[in-house]
Amino acid sequence: MIRKEFHRPNPNPDRDIEDRKSRFAALNAFVTEHGGWLTSIPGDVDIRLEALPGSPLPALLERQGYIVGRTGQTQRILPLAIVQKFETSSSGALIPVTEGSTKPVSVQVTHAGIAAVEQYDLRMP
């Protein structure tokens, strides 16, 4: 005799969404603490992660049981992406530090700038 399986709707879909949002919030706190960004809508099944190249974050998430798949590369504006170093000339003017210079750095200035980031898909365990 053939047994038929019937789809049974979830009796409380709101609880599942709230559970996913709660887990997303915890994941987002962890990712942010480790220098990454989640770019998905909280509670969505598909989770997108961005991290700087060479970041240990994807490996940390894999060790926690997440399925991590690299999907590409993009750019992100970061508040401290550009660092400029200046030394003082004999006239007292600030000039950019040249490679190999032995003069001490007088001023270091950071600026917002565009940085390359790696993109990943995440699946919750």
N, C-alpha and C. Protein backbone atom coordinates (compact mmCIF):
# COMPACT_ATOMS: atom_id res chain seq x y z
N MET A 1 0.84 -1.17 0.00
CA MET A 1 0.00 0.00 0.00
C MET A 1 0.89 1.25 0.00
N ILE A 2 0.55 2.24 -0.81
CA ILE A 2 1.32 3.48 -0.91
C ILE A 2 0.81 4.46 0.14
N ARG A 3 1.76 4.97 0.91
CA ARG A 3 1.41 5.94 1.95
C ARG A 3 1.67 7.35 1.42
N LYS A 4 0.71 8.21 1.52
CA LYS A 4 0.84 9.58 1.05
C LYS A 4 1.18 10.49 2.23
N GLU A 5 2.13 11.38 1.96
CA GLU A 5 2.49 12.39 2.96
C GLU A 5 1.76 13.68 2.60
N PHE A 6 1.18 14.29 3.55
CA PHE A 6 0.48 15.55 3.32
C PHE A 6 1.24 16.69 3.97
N HIS A 7 1.24 17.82 3.31
CA HIS A 7 1.86 19.02 3.87
C HIS A 7 1.00 19.52 5.02
N ARG A 8 1.65 19.73 6.14
CA ARG A 8 0.94 20.28 7.30
C ARG A 8 1.48 21.67 7.56
N PRO A 9 0.65 22.65 7.46
CA PRO A 9 1.13 24.02 7.68
C PRO A 9 1.64 24.20 9.10
N ASN A 10 2.62 25.06 9.22
CA ASN A 10 3.19 25.38 10.51
C ASN A 10 2.11 26.07 11.36
N PRO A 11 1.83 25.55 12.54
CA PRO A 11 0.77 26.15 13.36
C PRO A 11 1.11 27.54 13.89
N ASN A 12 2.42 27.86 13.95
CA ASN A 12 2.80 29.16 14.50
C ASN A 12 3.98 29.73 13.72
N PRO A 13 3.76 30.23 12.48
CA PRO A 13 4.87 30.75 11.69
C PRO A 13 5.51 31.99 12.30
N ASP A 14 4.75 32.76 13.07
CA ASP A 14 5.31 33.96 13.70
C ASP A 14 6.42 33.60 14.68
N ARG A 15 6.26 32.49 15.38
CA ARG A 15 7.28 32.07 16.34
C ARG A 15 8.59 31.72 15.61
N ASP A 16 8.47 31.06 14.44
CA ASP A 16 9.66 30.73 13.65
C ASP A 16 10.39 31.98 13.19
N ILE A 17 9.64 32.96 12.73
CA ILE A 17 10.26 34.21 12.27
C ILE A 17 10.94 34.93 13.43
N GLU A 18 10.26 34.99 14.57
CA GLU A 18 10.86 35.64 15.74
C GLU A 18 12.12 34.90 16.20
N ASP A 19 12.10 33.56 16.11
CA ASP A 19 13.28 32.77 16.46
C ASP A 19 14.44 33.09 15.51
N ARG A 20 14.15 33.17 14.20
CA ARG A 20 15.20 33.50 13.23
C ARG A 20 15.73 34.91 13.46
N LYS A 21 14.84 35.85 13.80
CA LYS A 21 15.29 37.23 14.07
C LYS A 21 16.19 37.27 15.30
N SER A 22 15.85 36.51 16.30
CA SER A 22 16.65 36.45 17.52
C SER A 22 18.03 35.86 17.24
N ARG A 23 18.06 34.78 16.48
CA ARG A 23 19.34 34.17 16.11
C ARG A 23 20.15 35.09 15.21
N PHE A 24 19.47 35.81 14.32
CA PHE A 24 20.13 36.77 13.44
C PHE A 24 20.79 37.88 14.28
N ALA A 25 20.08 38.38 15.28
CA ALA A 25 20.63 39.44 16.13
C ALA A 25 21.89 38.99 16.84
N ALA A 26 21.90 37.75 17.34
CA ALA A 26 23.10 37.22 18.00
C ALA A 26 24.24 37.06 16.99
N LEU A 27 23.91 36.56 15.80
CA LEU A 27 24.92 36.40 14.75
C LEU A 27 25.47 37.76 14.33
N ASN A 28 24.59 38.74 14.19
CA ASN A 28 25.01 40.08 13.78
C ASN A 28 25.97 40.69 14.81
N ALA A 29 25.69 40.50 16.08
CA ALA A 29 26.57 41.02 17.13
C ALA A 29 27.95 40.36 17.03
N PHE A 30 27.98 39.05 16.80
CA PHE A 30 29.25 38.33 16.66
C PHE A 30 30.03 38.81 15.44
N VAL A 31 29.33 38.92 14.30
CA VAL A 31 29.98 39.34 13.05
C VAL A 31 30.52 40.76 13.18
N THR A 32 29.74 41.66 13.75
CA THR A 32 30.18 43.05 13.93
C THR A 32 31.40 43.13 14.84
N GLU A 33 31.38 42.35 15.91
CA GLU A 33 32.50 42.32 16.86
C GLU A 33 33.79 41.84 16.19
N HIS A 34 33.65 41.01 15.15
CA HIS A 34 34.82 40.45 14.47
C HIS A 34 35.10 41.14 13.13
N GLY A 35 34.59 42.36 12.94
CA GLY A 35 34.95 43.18 11.79
C GLY A 35 34.23 42.86 10.50
N GLY A 36 33.07 42.24 10.55
CA GLY A 36 32.31 41.92 9.35
C GLY A 36 30.98 42.64 9.34
N TRP A 37 30.19 42.40 8.29
CA TRP A 37 28.89 43.03 8.13
C TRP A 37 27.89 42.03 7.60
N LEU A 38 26.69 42.00 8.19
CA LEU A 38 25.59 41.23 7.63
C LEU A 38 24.75 42.21 6.83
N THR A 39 24.41 41.83 5.60
CA THR A 39 23.68 42.76 4.73
C THR A 39 22.29 42.24 4.40
N SER A 40 21.82 41.25 5.13
CA SER A 40 20.49 40.67 4.90
C SER A 40 19.45 41.30 5.81
N ILE A 41 18.21 41.05 5.48
CA ILE A 41 17.09 41.50 6.30
C ILE A 41 17.00 40.56 7.51
N PRO A 42 16.91 41.08 8.73
CA PRO A 42 16.79 40.21 9.90
C PRO A 42 15.62 39.24 9.77
N GLY A 43 15.87 37.97 10.02
CA GLY A 43 14.84 36.95 9.93
C GLY A 43 14.78 36.26 8.59
N ASP A 44 15.49 36.79 7.58
CA ASP A 44 15.49 36.17 6.26
C ASP A 44 16.28 34.86 6.32
N VAL A 45 15.87 33.91 5.50
CA VAL A 45 16.54 32.61 5.47
C VAL A 45 17.91 32.74 4.80
N ASP A 46 18.00 33.57 3.76
CA ASP A 46 19.27 33.79 3.06
C ASP A 46 20.04 34.89 3.77
N ILE A 47 21.23 34.56 4.24
CA ILE A 47 22.04 35.53 4.99
C ILE A 47 23.27 35.86 4.16
N ARG A 48 23.54 37.13 4.01
CA ARG A 48 24.71 37.61 3.27
C ARG A 48 25.70 38.23 4.25
N LEU A 49 26.96 37.90 4.06
CA LEU A 49 28.05 38.38 4.93
C LEU A 49 29.07 39.08 4.06
N GLU A 50 29.64 40.16 4.57
CA GLU A 50 30.78 40.82 3.94
C GLU A 50 31.89 40.91 4.96
N ALA A 51 33.12 40.65 4.50
CA ALA A 51 34.30 40.71 5.37
C ALA A 51 35.49 41.17 4.54
N LEU A 52 36.45 41.79 5.21
CA LEU A 52 37.66 42.22 4.52
C LEU A 52 38.45 41.00 4.04
N PRO A 53 39.17 41.13 2.93
CA PRO A 53 39.99 40.00 2.46
C PRO A 53 40.98 39.56 3.54
N GLY A 54 41.10 38.26 3.71
CA GLY A 54 42.01 37.72 4.72
C GLY A 54 41.43 37.66 6.12
N SER A 55 40.18 38.08 6.28
CA SER A 55 39.54 38.05 7.59
C SER A 55 39.37 36.61 8.07
N PRO A 56 39.59 36.36 9.37
CA PRO A 56 39.36 35.01 9.91
C PRO A 56 37.88 34.72 10.18
N LEU A 57 37.01 35.70 9.96
CA LEU A 57 35.59 35.56 10.29
C LEU A 57 34.91 34.38 9.61
N PRO A 58 35.08 34.15 8.30
CA PRO A 58 34.42 32.99 7.69
C PRO A 58 34.83 31.66 8.34
N ALA A 59 36.09 31.52 8.67
CA ALA A 59 36.55 30.28 9.34
C ALA A 59 35.96 30.16 10.74
N LEU A 60 35.86 31.28 11.46
CA LEU A 60 35.25 31.25 12.79
C LEU A 60 33.80 30.80 12.72
N LEU A 61 33.08 31.29 11.72
CA LEU A 61 31.68 30.91 11.56
C LEU A 61 31.54 29.43 11.17
N GLU A 62 32.45 28.95 10.33
CA GLU A 62 32.42 27.53 9.96
C GLU A 62 32.64 26.65 11.19
N ARG A 63 33.55 27.07 12.07
CA ARG A 63 33.80 26.30 13.30
C ARG A 63 32.58 26.28 14.21
N GLN A 64 31.71 27.28 14.07
CA GLN A 64 30.48 27.32 14.86
C GLN A 64 29.35 26.54 14.20
N GLY A 65 29.61 25.93 13.04
CA GLY A 65 28.62 25.10 12.38
C GLY A 65 27.90 25.75 11.21
N TYR A 66 28.21 27.00 10.90
CA TYR A 66 27.58 27.66 9.76
C TYR A 66 28.17 27.12 8.46
N ILE A 67 27.35 27.08 7.44
CA ILE A 67 27.82 26.74 6.10
C ILE A 67 28.13 28.06 5.43
N VAL A 68 29.40 28.25 5.07
CA VAL A 68 29.88 29.53 4.53
C VAL A 68 30.35 29.29 3.10
N GLY A 69 29.79 30.05 2.16
CA GLY A 69 30.20 29.94 0.76
C GLY A 69 30.54 31.30 0.20
N ARG A 70 31.75 31.43 -0.36
CA ARG A 70 32.15 32.71 -0.95
C ARG A 70 31.38 32.90 -2.25
N THR A 71 30.82 34.11 -2.44
CA THR A 71 30.03 34.39 -3.63
C THR A 71 30.65 35.46 -4.52
N GLY A 72 31.64 36.18 -4.04
CA GLY A 72 32.25 37.20 -4.88
C GLY A 72 32.93 38.28 -4.07
N GLN A 73 33.13 39.41 -4.73
CA GLN A 73 33.79 40.54 -4.11
C GLN A 73 33.04 41.80 -4.48
N THR A 74 33.03 42.77 -3.58
CA THR A 74 32.39 44.05 -3.84
C THR A 74 33.20 45.13 -3.13
N GLN A 75 32.66 46.31 -3.04
CA GLN A 75 33.33 47.42 -2.37
C GLN A 75 32.43 48.00 -1.30
N ARG A 76 33.07 48.57 -0.30
CA ARG A 76 32.35 49.18 0.81
C ARG A 76 33.12 50.43 1.23
N ILE A 77 32.39 51.47 1.59
CA ILE A 77 33.04 52.68 2.10
C ILE A 77 33.27 52.48 3.59
N LEU A 78 34.53 52.56 3.98
CA LEU A 78 34.91 52.38 5.38
C LEU A 78 35.39 53.71 5.97
N PRO A 79 35.07 53.97 7.23
CA PRO A 79 35.43 55.27 7.81
C PRO A 79 36.93 55.49 7.99
N LEU A 80 37.72 54.42 8.08
CA LEU A 80 39.15 54.58 8.33
C LEU A 80 39.99 53.83 7.30
N ALA A 81 39.55 53.82 6.06
CA ALA A 81 40.22 53.02 5.03
C ALA A 81 41.54 53.62 4.55
N ILE A 82 41.67 54.93 4.60
CA ILE A 82 42.87 55.59 4.08
C ILE A 82 43.66 56.19 5.24
N VAL A 83 44.93 55.87 5.29
CA VAL A 83 45.81 56.41 6.33
C VAL A 83 46.91 57.20 5.63
N GLN A 84 47.05 58.46 5.99
CA GLN A 84 48.12 59.30 5.45
C GLN A 84 49.05 59.69 6.57
N LYS A 85 50.35 59.57 6.30
CA LYS A 85 51.36 59.94 7.30
C LYS A 85 52.15 61.13 6.77
N PHE A 86 52.42 62.07 7.67
CA PHE A 86 53.15 63.27 7.30
C PHE A 86 54.33 63.46 8.24
N GLU A 87 55.39 64.03 7.68
CA GLU A 87 56.54 64.41 8.49
C GLU A 87 56.72 65.92 8.36
N THR A 88 57.47 66.49 9.26
CA THR A 88 57.68 67.93 9.25
C THR A 88 58.94 68.25 8.47
N SER A 89 58.83 69.21 7.54
CA SER A 89 60.00 69.64 6.75
C SER A 89 60.82 70.62 7.58
N SER A 90 61.95 71.04 7.04
CA SER A 90 62.81 71.99 7.76
C SER A 90 62.13 73.34 7.96
N SER A 91 61.14 73.67 7.10
CA SER A 91 60.41 74.94 7.26
C SER A 91 59.22 74.80 8.20
N GLY A 92 58.95 73.57 8.67
CA GLY A 92 57.83 73.34 9.57
C GLY A 92 56.56 72.90 8.86
N ALA A 93 56.60 72.83 7.52
CA ALA A 93 55.43 72.40 6.75
C ALA A 93 55.30 70.88 6.82
N LEU A 94 54.06 70.41 6.76
CA LEU A 94 53.82 68.97 6.74
C LEU A 94 53.93 68.45 5.31
N ILE A 95 54.72 67.41 5.12
CA ILE A 95 54.87 66.80 3.80
C ILE A 95 54.61 65.30 3.94
N PRO A 96 54.06 64.68 2.90
CA PRO A 96 53.79 63.23 2.97
C PRO A 96 55.08 62.45 3.19
N VAL A 97 54.99 61.41 3.99
CA VAL A 97 56.14 60.55 4.25
C VAL A 97 56.46 59.78 2.98
N THR A 98 57.72 59.75 2.63
CA THR A 98 58.14 58.99 1.46
C THR A 98 58.68 57.64 1.92
N GLU A 99 58.57 56.65 1.03
CA GLU A 99 59.04 55.31 1.36
C GLU A 99 60.53 55.35 1.65
N GLY A 100 60.92 54.72 2.73
CA GLY A 100 62.32 54.66 3.12
C GLY A 100 62.78 55.84 3.95
N SER A 101 61.91 56.80 4.22
CA SER A 101 62.28 57.96 5.01
C SER A 101 62.58 57.53 6.46
N THR A 102 63.58 58.17 7.05
CA THR A 102 63.93 57.87 8.44
C THR A 102 63.43 58.95 9.40
N LYS A 103 62.81 59.98 8.85
CA LYS A 103 62.27 61.04 9.71
C LYS A 103 61.06 60.51 10.46
N PRO A 104 60.84 60.99 11.69
CA PRO A 104 59.66 60.53 12.45
C PRO A 104 58.37 61.07 11.84
N VAL A 105 57.31 60.29 11.98
CA VAL A 105 56.00 60.71 11.52
C VAL A 105 55.46 61.75 12.51
N SER A 106 55.12 62.92 12.00
CA SER A 106 54.61 63.99 12.86
C SER A 106 53.11 63.89 13.06
N VAL A 107 52.39 63.56 11.97
CA VAL A 107 50.93 63.52 12.00
C VAL A 107 50.46 62.33 11.18
N GLN A 108 49.47 61.65 11.71
CA GLN A 108 48.82 60.58 10.96
C GLN A 108 47.35 60.93 10.85
N VAL A 109 46.82 60.94 9.62
CA VAL A 109 45.44 61.32 9.36
C VAL A 109 44.73 60.13 8.71
N THR A 110 43.51 59.86 9.18
CA THR A 110 42.72 58.79 8.57
C THR A 110 41.49 59.41 7.90
N HIS A 111 41.09 58.79 6.78
CA HIS A 111 39.95 59.27 6.01
C HIS A 111 39.06 58.10 5.63
N ALA A 112 37.83 58.42 5.31
CA ALA A 112 36.94 57.41 4.74
C ALA A 112 37.42 57.09 3.34
N GLY A 113 37.21 55.86 2.93
CA GLY A 113 37.63 55.46 1.59
C GLY A 113 36.98 54.16 1.19
N ILE A 114 37.16 53.80 -0.06
CA ILE A 114 36.58 52.59 -0.60
C ILE A 114 37.55 51.44 -0.40
N ALA A 115 37.02 50.32 0.11
CA ALA A 115 37.82 49.12 0.33
C ALA A 115 37.13 47.92 -0.31
N ALA A 116 37.92 46.99 -0.81
CA ALA A 116 37.37 45.75 -1.36
C ALA A 116 36.96 44.84 -0.20
N VAL A 117 35.82 44.18 -0.34
CA VAL A 117 35.36 43.21 0.67
C VAL A 117 34.91 41.94 -0.04
N GLU A 118 35.06 40.82 0.66
CA GLU A 118 34.62 39.53 0.15
C GLU A 118 33.17 39.32 0.57
N GLN A 119 32.36 38.70 -0.31
CA GLN A 119 30.97 38.42 -0.01
C GLN A 119 30.78 36.92 0.19
N TYR A 120 29.90 36.56 1.14
CA TYR A 120 29.64 35.17 1.46
C TYR A 120 28.13 34.96 1.67
N ASP A 121 27.69 33.73 1.40
CA ASP A 121 26.36 33.27 1.80
C ASP A 121 26.53 32.46 3.07
N LEU A 122 25.61 32.61 3.99
CA LEU A 122 25.63 31.82 5.24
C LEU A 122 24.35 31.02 5.36
N ARG A 123 24.48 29.85 5.90
CA ARG A 123 23.32 29.02 6.28
C ARG A 123 23.44 28.74 7.75
N MET A 124 22.35 29.00 8.48
CA MET A 124 22.37 28.76 9.92
C MET A 124 22.36 27.27 10.22
N PRO A 125 23.07 26.88 11.29
CA PRO A 125 23.08 25.46 11.66
C PRO A 125 21.73 25.00 12.22
